[in-house]
Amino acid sequence: RVRNVTARGETLQEARDRAYAMVDGVDWPQGFFRRDIGWRALK
């Protein structure tokens, strides 16, 4: 299964933080997701 999460923010960092906060709120014991999305744009 695939789940997409989209978030908006005043900055890319804020949008990314909001998206990851939503993902962290999902209870999926064997779920996997990447935390490196957008890292190049934020460095």
C-alpha atoms as a PDB file:
ATOM      1  CA  ARG A   1       0.000   0.000   0.000  1.00  0.00           C
ATOM      2  CA  VAL A   2       1.046   3.551  -0.616  1.00  0.00           C
ATOM      3  CA  ARG A   3       0.059   6.651   1.292  1.00  0.00           C
ATOM      4  CA  ASN A   4       0.817  10.174   0.153  1.00  0.00           C
ATOM      5  CA  VAL A   5       0.996  13.107   2.526  1.00  0.00           C
ATOM      6  CA  THR A   6       1.084  16.710   1.365  1.00  0.00           C
ATOM      7  CA  ALA A   7       1.529  19.810   3.498  1.00  0.00           C
ATOM      8  CA  ARG A   8       1.896  23.533   2.991  1.00  0.00           C
ATOM      9  CA  GLY A   9       3.892  26.099   4.900  1.00  0.00           C
ATOM     10  CA  GLU A  10       5.436  29.535   4.650  1.00  0.00           C
ATOM     11  CA  THR A  11       8.788  27.840   3.972  1.00  0.00           C
ATOM     12  CA  LEU A  12       9.855  24.494   2.566  1.00  0.00           C
ATOM     13  CA  GLN A  13      11.121  23.503   6.019  1.00  0.00           C
ATOM     14  CA  GLU A  14       7.759  24.288   7.605  1.00  0.00           C
ATOM     15  CA  ALA A  15       5.876  22.304   4.960  1.00  0.00           C
ATOM     16  CA  ARG A  16       8.240  19.368   5.375  1.00  0.00           C
ATOM     17  CA  ASP A  17       7.912  19.450   9.175  1.00  0.00           C
ATOM     18  CA  ARG A  18       4.118  19.465   8.908  1.00  0.00           C
ATOM     19  CA  ALA A  19       4.118  16.552   6.472  1.00  0.00           C
ATOM     20  CA  TYR A  20       6.372  14.471   8.708  1.00  0.00           C
ATOM     21  CA  ALA A  21       4.228  15.326  11.744  1.00  0.00           C
ATOM     22  CA  MET A  22       1.208  13.894   9.919  1.00  0.00           C
ATOM     23  CA  VAL A  23       3.145  10.764   8.964  1.00  0.00           C
ATOM     24  CA  ASP A  24       4.347  10.322  12.548  1.00  0.00           C
ATOM     25  CA  GLY A  25       0.707  10.336  13.674  1.00  0.00           C
ATOM     26  CA  VAL A  26      -0.161   7.279  11.583  1.00  0.00           C
ATOM     27  CA  ASP A  27      -0.128   3.941  13.424  1.00  0.00           C
ATOM     28  CA  TRP A  28       1.455   1.454  11.018  1.00  0.00           C
ATOM     29  CA  PRO A  29       3.687  -1.023  12.836  1.00  0.00           C
ATOM     30  CA  GLN A  30       5.604  -2.215   9.760  1.00  0.00           C
ATOM     31  CA  GLY A  31       5.348   0.990   7.743  1.00  0.00           C
ATOM     32  CA  PHE A  32       8.308   2.642   6.082  1.00  0.00           C
ATOM     33  CA  PHE A  33       8.856   6.133   4.763  1.00  0.00           C
ATOM     34  CA  ARG A  34      11.787   8.274   3.760  1.00  0.00           C
ATOM     35  CA  ARG A  35      12.966  11.250   5.794  1.00  0.00           C
ATOM     36  CA  ASP A  36      15.377  12.544   3.180  1.00  0.00           C
ATOM     37  CA  ILE A  37      12.850  14.164   0.847  1.00  0.00           C
ATOM     38  CA  GLY A  38      13.916  17.709   0.004  1.00  0.00           C
ATOM     39  CA  TRP A  39      17.188  17.577   1.939  1.00  0.00           C
ATOM     40  CA  ARG A  40      19.216  19.089  -0.891  1.00  0.00           C
ATOM     41  CA  ALA A  41      16.929  22.112  -1.106  1.00  0.00           C
ATOM     42  CA  LEU A  42      17.175  22.629   2.662  1.00  0.00           C
ATOM     43  CA  LYS A  43      20.937  22.325   3.154  1.00  0.00           C
END
